Every structure is written in structure tokens, then in C-alpha cells.
Amino acid sequence: AGPSYFPIALVARLPYAMMVVGVLTLVVAGRDSLAFGGL
């Protein structure tokens, strides 16, 4: 695969794991609603 493949693939999948919690945190802070953040 090439020696650079595994570190690149590892970091590249991190945004996917940050999306749900990141959007929740942002919406709760910006719209002041935990229910709307969860939605």
C-alpha cells in the first residue's frame, strides 16, 4: 500500500468521527437548545 498510506488514512477518517458531536456542540452553543442540537 505504501508506507504513507496508514497514517494518512487514519487522520483522514477523524472528521467523520467529529461530525456528530461537533454539530451537537455548535448548535447547542449557537441556538441555545439541547433538543435542537440533538435533532
PDB file of all heavy atoms in Angstrom:
ATOM      1  N   ALA A   1       0.812  -1.214   0.000  1.00  0.00           N
ATOM      2  CA  ALA A   1       0.000   0.000   0.000  1.00  0.00           C
ATOM      3  C   ALA A   1       0.845   1.263   0.000  1.00  0.00           C
ATOM      4  O   ALA A   1       0.390   2.317  -0.439  1.00  0.00           O
ATOM      5  CB  ALA A   1      -0.927   0.002   1.211  1.00  0.00           C
ATOM      6  N   GLY A   2       2.065   1.177   0.501  1.00  0.00           N
ATOM      7  CA  GLY A   2       2.925   2.349   0.620  1.00  0.00           C
ATOM      8  C   GLY A   2       3.025   2.773   2.073  1.00  0.00           C
ATOM      9  O   GLY A   2       2.011   2.782   2.790  1.00  0.00           O
ATOM     10  N   PRO A   3       4.208   3.152   2.560  1.00  0.00           N
ATOM     11  CA  PRO A   3       4.393   3.480   3.984  1.00  0.00           C
ATOM     12  C   PRO A   3       3.579   4.666   4.466  1.00  0.00           C
ATOM     13  O   PRO A   3       3.258   4.761   5.648  1.00  0.00           O
ATOM     14  CB  PRO A   3       5.907   3.755   4.088  1.00  0.00           C
ATOM     15  CG  PRO A   3       6.338   4.072   2.691  1.00  0.00           C
ATOM     16  CD  PRO A   3       5.461   3.264   1.796  1.00  0.00           C
ATOM     17  N   SER A   4       3.213   5.589   3.577  1.00  0.00           N
ATOM     18  CA  SER A   4       2.438   6.759   3.997  1.00  0.00           C
ATOM     19  C   SER A   4       0.942   6.489   4.061  1.00  0.00           C
ATOM     20  O   SER A   4       0.180   7.307   4.575  1.00  0.00           O
ATOM     21  CB  SER A   4       2.697   7.923   3.035  1.00  0.00           C
ATOM     22  OG  SER A   4       2.251   7.594   1.719  1.00  0.00           O
ATOM     23  N   TYR A   5       0.522   5.331   3.558  1.00  0.00           N
ATOM     24  CA  TYR A   5      -0.910   5.074   3.447  1.00  0.00           C
ATOM     25  C   TYR A   5      -1.612   5.080   4.799  1.00  0.00           C
ATOM     26  O   TYR A   5      -2.629   5.764   4.994  1.00  0.00           O
ATOM     27  CB  TYR A   5      -1.164   3.733   2.755  1.00  0.00           C
ATOM     28  CG  TYR A   5      -2.631   3.369   2.728  1.00  0.00           C
ATOM     29  CD1 TYR A   5      -3.472   3.899   1.762  1.00  0.00           C
ATOM     30  CD2 TYR A   5      -3.187   2.545   3.703  1.00  0.00           C
ATOM     31  CE1 TYR A   5      -4.830   3.603   1.747  1.00  0.00           C
ATOM     32  CE2 TYR A   5      -4.539   2.241   3.698  1.00  0.00           C
ATOM     33  CZ  TYR A   5      -5.352   2.765   2.724  1.00  0.00           C
ATOM     34  OH  TYR A   5      -6.686   2.486   2.726  1.00  0.00           O
ATOM     35  N   PHE A   6      -1.099   4.318   5.764  1.00  0.00           N
ATOM     36  CA  PHE A   6      -1.814   4.115   7.022  1.00  0.00           C
ATOM     37  C   PHE A   6      -1.941   5.388   7.861  1.00  0.00           C
ATOM     38  O   PHE A   6      -3.022   5.656   8.391  1.00  0.00           O
ATOM     39  CB  PHE A   6      -1.183   2.965   7.803  1.00  0.00           C
ATOM     40  CG  PHE A   6      -1.462   1.627   7.178  1.00  0.00           C
ATOM     41  CD1 PHE A   6      -0.532   1.031   6.333  1.00  0.00           C
ATOM     42  CD2 PHE A   6      -2.664   0.978   7.397  1.00  0.00           C
ATOM     43  CE1 PHE A   6      -0.801  -0.197   5.735  1.00  0.00           C
ATOM     44  CE2 PHE A   6      -2.943  -0.251   6.806  1.00  0.00           C
ATOM     45  CZ  PHE A   6      -2.011  -0.836   5.964  1.00  0.00           C
ATOM     46  N   PRO A   7      -0.892   6.213   8.022  1.00  0.00           N
ATOM     47  CA  PRO A   7      -1.102   7.460   8.771  1.00  0.00           C
ATOM     48  C   PRO A   7      -2.073   8.412   8.081  1.00  0.00           C
ATOM     49  O   PRO A   7      -2.883   9.067   8.741  1.00  0.00           O
ATOM     50  CB  PRO A   7       0.307   8.063   8.881  1.00  0.00           C
ATOM     51  CG  PRO A   7       1.137   7.337   7.887  1.00  0.00           C
ATOM     52  CD  PRO A   7       0.536   5.994   7.717  1.00  0.00           C
ATOM     53  N   ILE A   8      -2.015   8.490   6.750  1.00  0.00           N
ATOM     54  CA  ILE A   8      -2.941   9.365   6.034  1.00  0.00           C
ATOM     55  C   ILE A   8      -4.377   8.875   6.198  1.00  0.00           C
ATOM     56  O   ILE A   8      -5.297   9.652   6.486  1.00  0.00           O
ATOM     57  CB  ILE A   8      -2.567   9.446   4.537  1.00  0.00           C
ATOM     58  CG1 ILE A   8      -1.269  10.224   4.353  1.00  0.00           C
ATOM     59  CG2 ILE A   8      -3.695  10.097   3.723  1.00  0.00           C
ATOM     60  CD1 ILE A   8      -0.752  10.225   2.926  1.00  0.00           C
ATOM     61  N   ALA A   9      -4.585   7.575   6.040  1.00  0.00           N
ATOM     62  CA  ALA A   9      -5.932   7.015   6.160  1.00  0.00           C
ATOM     63  C   ALA A   9      -6.475   7.177   7.574  1.00  0.00           C
ATOM     64  O   ALA A   9      -7.686   7.362   7.755  1.00  0.00           O
ATOM     65  CB  ALA A   9      -5.921   5.543   5.769  1.00  0.00           C
ATOM     66  N   LEU A  10      -5.604   7.111   8.579  1.00  0.00           N
ATOM     67  CA  LEU A  10      -6.055   7.255   9.964  1.00  0.00           C
ATOM     68  C   LEU A  10      -6.557   8.666  10.239  1.00  0.00           C
ATOM     69  O   LEU A  10      -7.661   8.855  10.773  1.00  0.00           O
ATOM     70  CB  LEU A  10      -4.912   6.902  10.913  1.00  0.00           C
ATOM     71  CG  LEU A  10      -5.240   6.984  12.409  1.00  0.00           C
ATOM     72  CD1 LEU A  10      -6.300   5.952  12.788  1.00  0.00           C
ATOM     73  CD2 LEU A  10      -3.974   6.785  13.249  1.00  0.00           C
ATOM     74  N   VAL A  11      -5.775   9.662   9.870  1.00  0.00           N
ATOM     75  CA  VAL A  11      -6.178  11.051  10.143  1.00  0.00           C
ATOM     76  C   VAL A  11      -7.356  11.449   9.256  1.00  0.00           C
ATOM     77  O   VAL A  11      -8.229  12.211   9.684  1.00  0.00           O
ATOM     78  CB  VAL A  11      -4.983  12.009   9.930  1.00  0.00           C
ATOM     79  CG1 VAL A  11      -5.398  13.453  10.205  1.00  0.00           C
ATOM     80  CG2 VAL A  11      -3.822  11.630  10.831  1.00  0.00           C
ATOM     81  N   ALA A  12      -7.413  10.931   8.041  1.00  0.00           N
ATOM     82  CA  ALA A  12      -8.483  11.307   7.112  1.00  0.00           C
ATOM     83  C   ALA A  12      -9.854  10.874   7.608  1.00  0.00           C
ATOM     84  O   ALA A  12     -10.870  11.472   7.242  1.00  0.00           O
ATOM     85  CB  ALA A  12      -8.215  10.699   5.733  1.00  0.00           C
ATOM     86  N   ARG A  13      -9.930   9.831   8.448  1.00  0.00           N
ATOM     87  CA  ARG A  13     -11.240   9.387   8.947  1.00  0.00           C
ATOM     88  C   ARG A  13     -11.657  10.127  10.215  1.00  0.00           C
ATOM     89  O   ARG A  13     -12.788   9.966  10.677  1.00  0.00           O
ATOM     90  CB  ARG A  13     -11.238   7.884   9.178  1.00  0.00           C
ATOM     91  CG  ARG A  13     -10.438   7.382  10.327  1.00  0.00           C
ATOM     92  CD  ARG A  13     -10.478   5.854  10.416  1.00  0.00           C
ATOM     93  NE  ARG A  13      -9.614   5.249   9.426  1.00  0.00           N
ATOM     94  CZ  ARG A  13      -9.643   3.960   9.092  1.00  0.00           C
ATOM     95  NH1 ARG A  13     -10.503   3.151   9.676  1.00  0.00           N
ATOM     96  NH2 ARG A  13      -8.828   3.479   8.186  1.00  0.00           N
ATOM     97  N   LEU A  14     -10.782  10.944  10.780  1.00  0.00           N
ATOM     98  CA  LEU A  14     -11.110  11.658  12.015  1.00  0.00           C
ATOM     99  C   LEU A  14     -12.282  12.636  11.862  1.00  0.00           C
ATOM    100  O   LEU A  14     -13.136  12.700  12.757  1.00  0.00           O
ATOM    101  CB  LEU A  14      -9.860  12.379  12.536  1.00  0.00           C
ATOM    102  CG  LEU A  14      -9.982  13.057  13.905  1.00  0.00           C
ATOM    103  CD1 LEU A  14     -10.344  12.043  14.981  1.00  0.00           C
ATOM    104  CD2 LEU A  14      -8.664  13.755  14.265  1.00  0.00           C
ATOM    105  N   PRO A  15     -12.360  13.431  10.765  1.00  0.00           N
ATOM    106  CA  PRO A  15     -13.509  14.344  10.644  1.00  0.00           C
ATOM    107  C   PRO A  15     -14.855  13.636  10.703  1.00  0.00           C
ATOM    108  O   PRO A  15     -15.825  14.177  11.240  1.00  0.00           O
ATOM    109  CB  PRO A  15     -13.287  14.997   9.271  1.00  0.00           C
ATOM    110  CG  PRO A  15     -11.821  14.916   9.041  1.00  0.00           C
ATOM    111  CD  PRO A  15     -11.394  13.623   9.667  1.00  0.00           C
ATOM    112  N   TYR A  16     -14.931  12.432  10.179  1.00  0.00           N
ATOM    113  CA  TYR A  16     -16.185  11.664  10.200  1.00  0.00           C
ATOM    114  C   TYR A  16     -16.613  11.404  11.638  1.00  0.00           C
ATOM    115  O   TYR A  16     -17.808  11.457  11.972  1.00  0.00           O
ATOM    116  CB  TYR A  16     -15.969  10.353   9.453  1.00  0.00           C
ATOM    117  CG  TYR A  16     -17.232   9.613   9.073  1.00  0.00           C
ATOM    118  CD1 TYR A  16     -17.946   9.982   7.939  1.00  0.00           C
ATOM    119  CD2 TYR A  16     -17.689   8.540   9.823  1.00  0.00           C
ATOM    120  CE1 TYR A  16     -19.099   9.296   7.566  1.00  0.00           C
ATOM    121  CE2 TYR A  16     -18.836   7.850   9.460  1.00  0.00           C
ATOM    122  CZ  TYR A  16     -19.535   8.227   8.333  1.00  0.00           C
ATOM    123  OH  TYR A  16     -20.670   7.547   7.964  1.00  0.00           O
ATOM    124  N   ALA A  17     -15.635  11.126  12.510  1.00  0.00           N
ATOM    125  CA  ALA A  17     -15.935  10.853  13.919  1.00  0.00           C
ATOM    126  C   ALA A  17     -16.219  12.130  14.698  1.00  0.00           C
ATOM    127  O   ALA A  17     -16.768  12.066  15.804  1.00  0.00           O
ATOM    128  CB  ALA A  17     -14.766  10.107  14.559  1.00  0.00           C
ATOM    129  N   MET A  18     -15.845  13.293  14.151  1.00  0.00           N
ATOM    130  CA  MET A  18     -16.061  14.562  14.831  1.00  0.00           C
ATOM    131  C   MET A  18     -17.395  15.204  14.455  1.00  0.00           C
ATOM    132  O   MET A  18     -17.877  16.081  15.183  1.00  0.00           O
ATOM    133  CB  MET A  18     -14.924  15.533  14.485  1.00  0.00           C
ATOM    134  CG  MET A  18     -13.557  15.119  14.983  1.00  0.00           C
ATOM    135  SD  MET A  18     -12.220  16.165  14.300  1.00  0.00           S
ATOM    136  CE  MET A  18     -12.656  17.776  14.970  1.00  0.00           C
ATOM    137  N   MET A  19     -17.996  14.776  13.355  1.00  0.00           N
ATOM    138  CA  MET A  19     -19.159  15.484  12.821  1.00  0.00           C
ATOM    139  C   MET A  19     -20.332  15.542  13.780  1.00  0.00           C
ATOM    140  O   MET A  19     -20.878  16.616  14.058  1.00  0.00           O
ATOM    141  CB  MET A  19     -19.620  14.837  11.513  1.00  0.00           C
ATOM    142  CG  MET A  19     -18.730  15.062  10.334  1.00  0.00           C
ATOM    143  SD  MET A  19     -19.527  14.507   8.809  1.00  0.00           S
ATOM    144  CE  MET A  19     -20.157  12.897   9.282  1.00  0.00           C
ATOM    145  N   VAL A  20     -20.766  14.389  14.258  1.00  0.00           N
ATOM    146  CA  VAL A  20     -21.985  14.327  15.061  1.00  0.00           C
ATOM    147  C   VAL A  20     -21.845  15.145  16.342  1.00  0.00           C
ATOM    148  O   VAL A  20     -22.689  15.992  16.654  1.00  0.00           O
ATOM    149  CB  VAL A  20     -22.348  12.867  15.387  1.00  0.00           C
ATOM    150  CG1 VAL A  20     -23.520  12.807  16.353  1.00  0.00           C
ATOM    151  CG2 VAL A  20     -22.689  12.112  14.106  1.00  0.00           C
ATOM    152  N   VAL A  21     -20.752  14.898  17.075  1.00  0.00           N
ATOM    153  CA  VAL A  21     -20.547  15.615  18.331  1.00  0.00           C
ATOM    154  C   VAL A  21     -20.246  17.085  18.066  1.00  0.00           C
ATOM    155  O   VAL A  21     -20.687  17.974  18.808  1.00  0.00           O
ATOM    156  CB  VAL A  21     -19.411  14.963  19.144  1.00  0.00           C
ATOM    157  CG1 VAL A  21     -19.214  15.679  20.469  1.00  0.00           C
ATOM    158  CG2 VAL A  21     -19.710  13.496  19.385  1.00  0.00           C
ATOM    159  N   GLY A  22     -19.497  17.372  16.996  1.00  0.00           N
ATOM    160  CA  GLY A  22     -19.176  18.755  16.666  1.00  0.00           C
ATOM    161  C   GLY A  22     -20.406  19.571  16.328  1.00  0.00           C
ATOM    162  O   GLY A  22     -20.566  20.719  16.779  1.00  0.00           O
ATOM    163  N   VAL A  23     -21.297  18.994  15.541  1.00  0.00           N
ATOM    164  CA  VAL A  23     -22.542  19.692  15.198  1.00  0.00           C
ATOM    165  C   VAL A  23     -23.401  19.879  16.440  1.00  0.00           C
ATOM    166  O   VAL A  23     -23.998  20.940  16.651  1.00  0.00           O
ATOM    167  CB  VAL A  23     -23.308  18.912  14.108  1.00  0.00           C
ATOM    168  CG1 VAL A  23     -24.740  19.431  13.959  1.00  0.00           C
ATOM    169  CG2 VAL A  23     -22.578  19.021  12.773  1.00  0.00           C
ATOM    170  N   LEU A  24     -23.473  18.861  17.289  1.00  0.00           N
ATOM    171  CA  LEU A  24     -24.239  18.972  18.531  1.00  0.00           C
ATOM    172  C   LEU A  24     -23.709  20.117  19.389  1.00  0.00           C
ATOM    173  O   LEU A  24     -24.477  20.971  19.868  1.00  0.00           O
ATOM    174  CB  LEU A  24     -24.162  17.656  19.300  1.00  0.00           C
ATOM    175  CG  LEU A  24     -24.783  17.637  20.699  1.00  0.00           C
ATOM    176  CD1 LEU A  24     -26.286  17.871  20.630  1.00  0.00           C
ATOM    177  CD2 LEU A  24     -24.470  16.330  21.411  1.00  0.00           C
ATOM    178  N   THR A  25     -22.392  20.152  19.585  1.00  0.00           N
ATOM    179  CA  THR A  25     -21.776  21.205  20.404  1.00  0.00           C
ATOM    180  C   THR A  25     -22.043  22.589  19.819  1.00  0.00           C
ATOM    181  O   THR A  25     -22.397  23.535  20.543  1.00  0.00           O
ATOM    182  CB  THR A  25     -20.256  20.970  20.496  1.00  0.00           C
ATOM    183  OG1 THR A  25     -20.010  19.680  21.059  1.00  0.00           O
ATOM    184  CG2 THR A  25     -19.590  22.027  21.357  1.00  0.00           C
ATOM    185  N   LEU A  26     -21.886  22.715  18.517  1.00  0.00           N
ATOM    186  CA  LEU A  26     -22.063  24.001  17.846  1.00  0.00           C
ATOM    187  C   LEU A  26     -23.501  24.498  17.947  1.00  0.00           C
ATOM    188  O   LEU A  26     -23.749  25.662  18.288  1.00  0.00           O
ATOM    189  CB  LEU A  26     -21.650  23.862  16.376  1.00  0.00           C
ATOM    190  CG  LEU A  26     -21.870  25.093  15.487  1.00  0.00           C
ATOM    191  CD1 LEU A  26     -21.022  26.258  15.956  1.00  0.00           C
ATOM    192  CD2 LEU A  26     -21.547  24.743  14.035  1.00  0.00           C
ATOM    193  N   VAL A  27     -24.458  23.627  17.665  1.00  0.00           N
ATOM    194  CA  VAL A  27     -25.868  24.049  17.653  1.00  0.00           C
ATOM    195  C   VAL A  27     -26.355  24.372  19.061  1.00  0.00           C
ATOM    196  O   VAL A  27     -27.095  25.339  19.259  1.00  0.00           O
ATOM    197  CB  VAL A  27     -26.749  22.963  17.004  1.00  0.00           C
ATOM    198  CG1 VAL A  27     -28.223  23.332  17.107  1.00  0.00           C
ATOM    199  CG2 VAL A  27     -26.353  22.777  15.535  1.00  0.00           C
ATOM    200  N   VAL A  28     -25.946  23.584  20.042  1.00  0.00           N
ATOM    201  CA  VAL A  28     -26.354  23.871  21.418  1.00  0.00           C
ATOM    202  C   VAL A  28     -25.830  25.235  21.852  1.00  0.00           C
ATOM    203  O   VAL A  28     -26.545  26.025  22.482  1.00  0.00           O
ATOM    204  CB  VAL A  28     -25.850  22.774  22.376  1.00  0.00           C
ATOM    205  CG1 VAL A  28     -26.046  23.192  23.831  1.00  0.00           C
ATOM    206  CG2 VAL A  28     -26.593  21.475  22.111  1.00  0.00           C
ATOM    207  N   ALA A  29     -24.580  25.550  21.480  1.00  0.00           N
ATOM    208  CA  ALA A  29     -23.994  26.835  21.847  1.00  0.00           C
ATOM    209  C   ALA A  29     -24.613  27.992  21.059  1.00  0.00           C
ATOM    210  O   ALA A  29     -24.902  29.051  21.621  1.00  0.00           O
ATOM    211  CB  ALA A  29     -22.486  26.811  21.620  1.00  0.00           C
ATOM    212  N   GLY A  30     -24.843  27.771  19.756  1.00  0.00           N
ATOM    213  CA  GLY A  30     -25.330  28.869  18.911  1.00  0.00           C
ATOM    214  C   GLY A  30     -26.820  29.099  18.974  1.00  0.00           C
ATOM    215  O   GLY A  30     -27.281  30.239  18.819  1.00  0.00           O
ATOM    216  N   ARG A  31     -27.606  28.034  19.209  1.00  0.00           N
ATOM    217  CA  ARG A  31     -29.070  28.158  19.226  1.00  0.00           C
ATOM    218  C   ARG A  31     -29.655  27.932  20.616  1.00  0.00           C
ATOM    219  O   ARG A  31     -30.869  28.015  20.784  1.00  0.00           O
ATOM    220  CB  ARG A  31     -29.676  27.170  18.225  1.00  0.00           C
ATOM    221  CG  ARG A  31     -29.274  27.462  16.769  1.00  0.00           C
ATOM    222  CD  ARG A  31     -30.019  28.654  16.212  1.00  0.00           C
ATOM    223  NE  ARG A  31     -29.492  29.121  14.945  1.00  0.00           N
ATOM    224  CZ  ARG A  31     -30.244  29.511  13.910  1.00  0.00           C
ATOM    225  NH1 ARG A  31     -31.559  29.457  13.988  1.00  0.00           N
ATOM    226  NH2 ARG A  31     -29.673  29.957  12.802  1.00  0.00           N
ATOM    227  N   ASP A  32     -28.799  27.651  21.596  1.00  0.00           N
ATOM    228  CA  ASP A  32     -29.199  27.535  22.997  1.00  0.00           C
ATOM    229  C   ASP A  32     -30.337  26.542  23.195  1.00  0.00           C
ATOM    230  O   ASP A  32     -31.319  26.828  23.881  1.00  0.00           O
ATOM    231  CB  ASP A  32     -29.595  28.908  23.548  1.00  0.00           C
ATOM    232  CG  ASP A  32     -29.669  28.904  25.080  1.00  0.00           C
ATOM    233  OD1 ASP A  32     -28.970  28.077  25.695  1.00  0.00           O
ATOM    234  OD2 ASP A  32     -30.442  29.709  25.639  1.00  0.00           O
ATOM    235  N   SER A  33     -30.192  25.362  22.578  1.00  0.00           N
ATOM    236  CA  SER A  33     -31.230  24.341  22.716  1.00  0.00           C
ATOM    237  C   SER A  33     -30.589  22.960  22.570  1.00  0.00           C
ATOM    238  O   SER A  33     -30.114  22.611  21.488  1.00  0.00           O
ATOM    239  CB  SER A  33     -32.324  24.519  21.662  1.00  0.00           C
ATOM    240  OG  SER A  33     -33.222  23.428  21.676  1.00  0.00           O
ATOM    241  N   LEU A  34     -30.599  22.201  23.659  1.00  0.00           N
ATOM    242  CA  LEU A  34     -30.050  20.853  23.609  1.00  0.00           C
ATOM    243  C   LEU A  34     -30.898  19.958  22.711  1.00  0.00           C
ATOM    244  O   LEU A  34     -30.376  19.134  21.955  1.00  0.00           O
ATOM    245  CB  LEU A  34     -29.975  20.261  25.023  1.00  0.00           C
ATOM    246  CG  LEU A  34     -29.416  18.848  25.147  1.00  0.00           C
ATOM    247  CD1 LEU A  34     -27.999  18.770  24.592  1.00  0.00           C
ATOM    248  CD2 LEU A  34     -29.450  18.384  26.596  1.00  0.00           C
ATOM    249  N   ALA A  35     -32.214  20.131  22.782  1.00  0.00           N
ATOM    250  CA  ALA A  35     -33.112  19.316  21.955  1.00  0.00           C
ATOM    251  C   ALA A  35     -32.859  19.573  20.471  1.00  0.00           C
ATOM    252  O   ALA A  35     -32.806  18.636  19.658  1.00  0.00           O
ATOM    253  CB  ALA A  35     -34.564  19.604  22.304  1.00  0.00           C
ATOM    254  N   PHE A  36     -32.690  20.849  20.100  1.00  0.00           N
ATOM    255  CA  PHE A  36     -32.442  21.186  18.693  1.00  0.00           C
ATOM    256  C   PHE A  36     -31.062  20.703  18.264  1.00  0.00           C
ATOM    257  O   PHE A  36     -30.863  20.272  17.129  1.00  0.00           O
ATOM    258  CB  PHE A  36     -32.565  22.698  18.481  1.00  0.00           C
ATOM    259  CG  PHE A  36     -32.525  23.122  17.039  1.00  0.00           C
ATOM    260  CD1 PHE A  36     -33.437  22.614  16.121  1.00  0.00           C
ATOM    261  CD2 PHE A  36     -31.572  24.028  16.592  1.00  0.00           C
ATOM    262  CE1 PHE A  36     -33.402  23.008  14.787  1.00  0.00           C
ATOM    263  CE2 PHE A  36     -31.530  24.423  15.266  1.00  0.00           C
ATOM    264  CZ  PHE A  36     -32.445  23.911  14.357  1.00  0.00           C
ATOM    265  N   GLY A  37     -30.101  20.742  19.183  1.00  0.00           N
ATOM    266  CA  GLY A  37     -28.776  20.219  18.874  1.00  0.00           C
ATOM    267  C   GLY A  37     -28.827  18.727  18.609  1.00  0.00           C
ATOM    268  O   GLY A  37     -28.214  18.226  17.661  1.00  0.00           O
ATOM    269  N   GLY A  38     -29.578  17.987  19.442  1.00  0.00           N
ATOM    270  CA  GLY A  38     -29.722  16.548  19.223  1.00  0.00           C
ATOM    271  C   GLY A  38     -30.423  16.237  17.918  1.00  0.00           C
ATOM    272  O   GLY A  38     -30.064  15.274  17.224  1.00  0.00           O
ATOM    273  N   LEU A  39     -31.412  17.057  17.554  1.00  0.00           N
ATOM    274  CA  LEU A  39     -32.118  16.862  16.295  1.00  0.00           C
ATOM    275  C   LEU A  39     -31.168  17.050  15.117  1.00  0.00           C
ATOM    276  O   LEU A  39     -31.200  16.281  14.138  1.00  0.00           O
ATOM    277  CB  LEU A  39     -33.290  17.839  16.198  1.00  0.00           C
ATOM    278  CG  LEU A  39     -34.121  17.783  14.910  1.00  0.00           C
ATOM    279  CD1 LEU A  39     -34.745  16.406  14.725  1.00  0.00           C
ATOM    280  CD2 LEU A  39     -35.200  18.866  14.927  1.00  0.00           C
TER     281      LEU A  39
END
